Amino acid sequence: MTKSKKIFKLIIILIGVLYATVTFATQQKTLNQYSKNCEELSEQIQEQEEYKQELSKKKDDINSTEFIEETAREKLDMYLPNEKVYIDAGY
């Protein structure tokens, strides 16, 4: 083999290795971004699950008789029959 063919092969190999290295680094960077996004989305899912549980509990509380009676007393000034209401006039 002539010297020029050896140099040509070496250059081709170096270009291939350089291309593979750059491609690998780029893909690794993209993979890291995807992993970070996945973690952020997992946290958001967890927060939304907790919020959903809070809303479910609030829904159950709203449908309870105690909540309905308390709301009627406080906001609508409604009271049960035979219930005595005392108002403190001494501010």
N, C-alpha and C. Protein backbone atom coordinates (compact mmCIF):
# COMPACT_ATOMS: atom_id res chain seq x y z
N MET A 1 0.83 -1.19 0.00
CA MET A 1 0.00 0.00 0.00
C MET A 1 0.87 1.25 0.00
N THR A 2 0.40 2.17 -0.67
CA THR A 2 1.17 3.40 -0.74
C THR A 2 0.86 4.26 0.47
N LYS A 3 1.70 5.19 0.68
CA LYS A 3 1.57 6.08 1.84
C LYS A 3 0.29 6.91 1.75
N SER A 4 -0.11 7.34 0.58
CA SER A 4 -1.30 8.16 0.41
C SER A 4 -2.57 7.37 0.73
N LYS A 5 -2.58 6.06 0.40
CA LYS A 5 -3.73 5.23 0.72
C LYS A 5 -3.86 5.03 2.23
N LYS A 6 -2.74 4.88 2.92
CA LYS A 6 -2.76 4.72 4.38
C LYS A 6 -3.28 5.99 5.04
N ILE A 7 -2.82 7.12 4.56
CA ILE A 7 -3.27 8.39 5.12
C ILE A 7 -4.76 8.59 4.85
N PHE A 8 -5.19 8.23 3.64
CA PHE A 8 -6.61 8.34 3.28
C PHE A 8 -7.47 7.46 4.21
N LYS A 9 -7.04 6.22 4.45
CA LYS A 9 -7.76 5.32 5.35
C LYS A 9 -7.79 5.89 6.76
N LEU A 10 -6.69 6.42 7.22
CA LEU A 10 -6.60 6.99 8.56
C LEU A 10 -7.55 8.18 8.69
N ILE A 11 -7.60 9.02 7.66
CA ILE A 11 -8.49 10.17 7.68
C ILE A 11 -9.95 9.70 7.72
N ILE A 12 -10.30 8.71 6.92
CA ILE A 12 -11.66 8.18 6.90
C ILE A 12 -12.02 7.62 8.27
N ILE A 13 -11.11 6.88 8.88
CA ILE A 13 -11.36 6.31 10.22
C ILE A 13 -11.53 7.42 11.24
N LEU A 14 -10.69 8.44 11.20
CA LEU A 14 -10.80 9.56 12.14
C LEU A 14 -12.11 10.31 11.96
N ILE A 15 -12.51 10.51 10.71
CA ILE A 15 -13.79 11.17 10.46
C ILE A 15 -14.94 10.33 11.01
N GLY A 16 -14.89 9.02 10.82
CA GLY A 16 -15.92 8.13 11.35
C GLY A 16 -15.98 8.16 12.86
N VAL A 17 -14.83 8.12 13.51
CA VAL A 17 -14.77 8.17 14.97
C VAL A 17 -15.27 9.52 15.48
N LEU A 18 -14.87 10.58 14.83
CA LEU A 18 -15.32 11.92 15.22
C LEU A 18 -16.83 12.04 15.06
N TYR A 19 -17.36 11.56 13.95
CA TYR A 19 -18.81 11.60 13.71
C TYR A 19 -19.54 10.80 14.79
N ALA A 20 -19.04 9.60 15.11
CA ALA A 20 -19.68 8.77 16.13
C ALA A 20 -19.64 9.45 17.49
N THR A 21 -18.54 10.10 17.82
CA THR A 21 -18.41 10.79 19.10
C THR A 21 -19.38 11.97 19.20
N VAL A 22 -19.45 12.76 18.15
CA VAL A 22 -20.36 13.91 18.15
C VAL A 22 -21.80 13.44 18.23
N THR A 23 -22.14 12.41 17.47
CA THR A 23 -23.50 11.87 17.49
C THR A 23 -23.84 11.34 18.87
N PHE A 24 -22.93 10.61 19.47
CA PHE A 24 -23.16 10.07 20.81
C PHE A 24 -23.36 11.19 21.82
N ALA A 25 -22.54 12.23 21.78
CA ALA A 25 -22.66 13.34 22.72
C ALA A 25 -23.99 14.06 22.54
N THR A 26 -24.40 14.27 21.31
CA THR A 26 -25.67 14.93 21.04
C THR A 26 -26.84 14.10 21.55
N GLN A 27 -26.80 12.81 21.29
CA GLN A 27 -27.87 11.93 21.75
C GLN A 27 -27.90 11.85 23.27
N GLN A 28 -26.75 11.87 23.91
CA GLN A 28 -26.70 11.83 25.36
C GLN A 28 -27.32 13.11 25.96
N LYS A 29 -27.03 14.24 25.33
CA LYS A 29 -27.61 15.50 25.79
C LYS A 29 -29.13 15.47 25.65
N THR A 30 -29.62 14.98 24.52
CA THR A 30 -31.06 14.87 24.30
C THR A 30 -31.68 13.91 25.30
N LEU A 31 -31.03 12.80 25.55
CA LEU A 31 -31.53 11.83 26.51
C LEU A 31 -31.60 12.42 27.92
N ASN A 32 -30.62 13.21 28.30
CA ASN A 32 -30.65 13.88 29.60
C ASN A 32 -31.82 14.86 29.70
N GLN A 33 -32.09 15.58 28.60
CA GLN A 33 -33.22 16.50 28.60
C GLN A 33 -34.54 15.74 28.75
N TYR A 34 -34.65 14.62 28.05
CA TYR A 34 -35.86 13.81 28.16
C TYR A 34 -36.04 13.26 29.58
N SER A 35 -34.95 12.86 30.18
CA SER A 35 -35.02 12.35 31.56
C SER A 35 -35.48 13.45 32.51
N LYS A 36 -34.94 14.64 32.33
CA LYS A 36 -35.33 15.77 33.18
C LYS A 36 -36.81 16.10 32.98
N ASN A 37 -37.26 16.11 31.73
CA ASN A 37 -38.67 16.38 31.45
C ASN A 37 -39.56 15.30 32.05
N CYS A 38 -39.10 14.06 32.00
CA CYS A 38 -39.86 12.95 32.57
C CYS A 38 -40.01 13.13 34.08
N GLU A 39 -38.95 13.53 34.75
CA GLU A 39 -39.01 13.76 36.19
C GLU A 39 -39.98 14.89 36.53
N GLU A 40 -39.90 15.98 35.76
CA GLU A 40 -40.79 17.12 36.00
C GLU A 40 -42.25 16.72 35.79
N LEU A 41 -42.51 15.96 34.74
CA LEU A 41 -43.88 15.52 34.48
C LEU A 41 -44.37 14.56 35.55
N SER A 42 -43.47 13.72 36.06
CA SER A 42 -43.85 12.81 37.14
C SER A 42 -44.23 13.59 38.39
N GLU A 43 -43.48 14.65 38.67
CA GLU A 43 -43.81 15.50 39.82
C GLU A 43 -45.16 16.18 39.62
N GLN A 44 -45.41 16.65 38.41
CA GLN A 44 -46.69 17.29 38.13
C GLN A 44 -47.84 16.30 38.26
N ILE A 45 -47.62 15.08 37.83
CA ILE A 45 -48.65 14.04 37.96
C ILE A 45 -48.93 13.79 39.43
N GLN A 46 -47.89 13.71 40.24
CA GLN A 46 -48.05 13.48 41.68
C GLN A 46 -48.83 14.62 42.32
N GLU A 47 -48.49 15.87 41.95
CA GLU A 47 -49.20 17.02 42.50
C GLU A 47 -50.67 16.99 42.11
N GLN A 48 -50.94 16.64 40.86
CA GLN A 48 -52.33 16.59 40.40
C GLN A 48 -53.10 15.46 41.07
N GLU A 49 -52.43 14.35 41.36
CA GLU A 49 -53.08 13.24 42.08
C GLU A 49 -53.45 13.69 43.50
N GLU A 50 -52.55 14.42 44.15
CA GLU A 50 -52.83 14.93 45.49
C GLU A 50 -53.99 15.93 45.44
N TYR A 51 -53.99 16.80 44.44
CA TYR A 51 -55.07 17.78 44.28
C TYR A 51 -56.39 17.07 44.03
N LYS A 52 -56.35 16.02 43.24
CA LYS A 52 -57.55 15.23 42.96
C LYS A 52 -58.10 14.61 44.25
N GLN A 53 -57.20 14.10 45.09
CA GLN A 53 -57.64 13.52 46.36
C GLN A 53 -58.26 14.59 47.26
N GLU A 54 -57.65 15.78 47.28
CA GLU A 54 -58.21 16.87 48.08
C GLU A 54 -59.61 17.23 47.60
N LEU A 55 -59.77 17.32 46.28
CA LEU A 55 -61.09 17.65 45.73
C LEU A 55 -62.11 16.56 46.02
N SER A 56 -61.67 15.32 45.97
CA SER A 56 -62.58 14.21 46.27
C SER A 56 -63.03 14.27 47.73
N LYS A 57 -62.09 14.57 48.62
CA LYS A 57 -62.43 14.70 50.04
C LYS A 57 -63.38 15.87 50.25
N LYS A 58 -63.09 16.99 49.58
CA LYS A 58 -63.96 18.16 49.70
C LYS A 58 -65.36 17.85 49.17
N LYS A 59 -65.43 17.12 48.08
CA LYS A 59 -66.72 16.72 47.52
C LYS A 59 -67.51 15.89 48.52
N ASP A 60 -66.82 14.94 49.15
CA ASP A 60 -67.49 14.11 50.17
C ASP A 60 -67.95 14.96 51.34
N ASP A 61 -67.11 15.93 51.75
CA ASP A 61 -67.48 16.81 52.85
C ASP A 61 -68.68 17.69 52.50
N ILE A 62 -68.71 18.17 51.27
CA ILE A 62 -69.80 19.04 50.85
C ILE A 62 -71.12 18.30 50.84
N ASN A 63 -71.09 17.03 50.50
CA ASN A 63 -72.32 16.24 50.46
C ASN A 63 -72.77 15.75 51.84
N SER A 64 -72.01 16.06 52.88
CA SER A 64 -72.39 15.60 54.21
C SER A 64 -73.46 16.51 54.82
N THR A 65 -74.27 15.95 55.68
CA THR A 65 -75.34 16.70 56.33
C THR A 65 -74.78 17.81 57.21
N GLU A 66 -73.67 17.53 57.88
CA GLU A 66 -73.08 18.53 58.78
C GLU A 66 -72.67 19.79 58.00
N PHE A 67 -72.06 19.60 56.83
CA PHE A 67 -71.63 20.74 56.03
C PHE A 67 -72.83 21.55 55.56
N ILE A 68 -73.86 20.85 55.12
CA ILE A 68 -75.06 21.54 54.64
C ILE A 68 -75.70 22.36 55.76
N GLU A 69 -75.80 21.78 56.96
CA GLU A 69 -76.38 22.50 58.09
C GLU A 69 -75.52 23.69 58.47
N GLU A 70 -74.21 23.50 58.51
CA GLU A 70 -73.31 24.59 58.89
C GLU A 70 -73.39 25.74 57.87
N THR A 71 -73.42 25.41 56.59
CA THR A 71 -73.52 26.44 55.56
C THR A 71 -74.85 27.17 55.65
N ALA A 72 -75.92 26.44 55.90
CA ALA A 72 -77.24 27.08 56.03
C ALA A 72 -77.26 28.04 57.22
N ARG A 73 -76.63 27.66 58.32
CA ARG A 73 -76.59 28.53 59.50
C ARG A 73 -75.76 29.78 59.23
N GLU A 74 -74.55 29.60 58.69
CA GLU A 74 -73.62 30.71 58.55
C GLU A 74 -73.97 31.68 57.42
N LYS A 75 -74.36 31.14 56.28
CA LYS A 75 -74.53 32.00 55.10
C LYS A 75 -75.98 32.39 54.85
N LEU A 76 -76.91 31.54 55.28
CA LEU A 76 -78.31 31.81 54.96
C LEU A 76 -79.15 32.14 56.20
N ASP A 77 -78.52 32.13 57.36
CA ASP A 77 -79.21 32.36 58.63
C ASP A 77 -80.44 31.46 58.77
N MET A 78 -80.27 30.21 58.40
CA MET A 78 -81.35 29.23 58.55
C MET A 78 -81.01 28.32 59.73
N TYR A 79 -82.02 27.93 60.48
CA TYR A 79 -81.81 27.10 61.65
C TYR A 79 -82.83 25.97 61.67
N LEU A 80 -82.50 24.94 62.41
CA LEU A 80 -83.43 23.81 62.54
C LEU A 80 -84.64 24.22 63.37
N PRO A 81 -85.78 23.59 63.15
CA PRO A 81 -86.93 23.88 64.01
C PRO A 81 -86.59 23.52 65.46
N ASN A 82 -87.12 24.26 66.38
CA ASN A 82 -86.89 24.06 67.82
C ASN A 82 -85.45 24.34 68.23
N GLU A 83 -84.67 24.99 67.38
CA GLU A 83 -83.30 25.34 67.71
C GLU A 83 -83.29 26.79 68.18
N LYS A 84 -82.71 27.01 69.35
CA LYS A 84 -82.65 28.37 69.90
C LYS A 84 -81.34 29.02 69.49
N VAL A 85 -81.44 30.25 69.06
CA VAL A 85 -80.27 31.00 68.62
C VAL A 85 -80.09 32.18 69.55
N TYR A 86 -78.90 32.30 70.08
CA TYR A 86 -78.57 33.42 70.97
C TYR A 86 -77.59 34.33 70.26
N ILE A 87 -77.89 35.60 70.23
CA ILE A 87 -77.04 36.58 69.59
C ILE A 87 -76.43 37.46 70.66
N ASP A 88 -75.12 37.56 70.65
CA ASP A 88 -74.41 38.38 71.61
C ASP A 88 -74.48 39.83 71.14
N ALA A 89 -75.17 40.65 71.89
CA ALA A 89 -75.33 42.05 71.51
C ALA A 89 -74.25 42.92 72.13
N GLY A 90 -73.34 42.36 72.87
CA GLY A 90 -72.34 43.16 73.57
C GLY A 90 -71.04 43.31 72.81
N TYR A 91 -70.99 43.23 71.58
CA TYR A 91 -69.84 43.39 70.70
C TYR A 91 -68.59 43.56 71.49
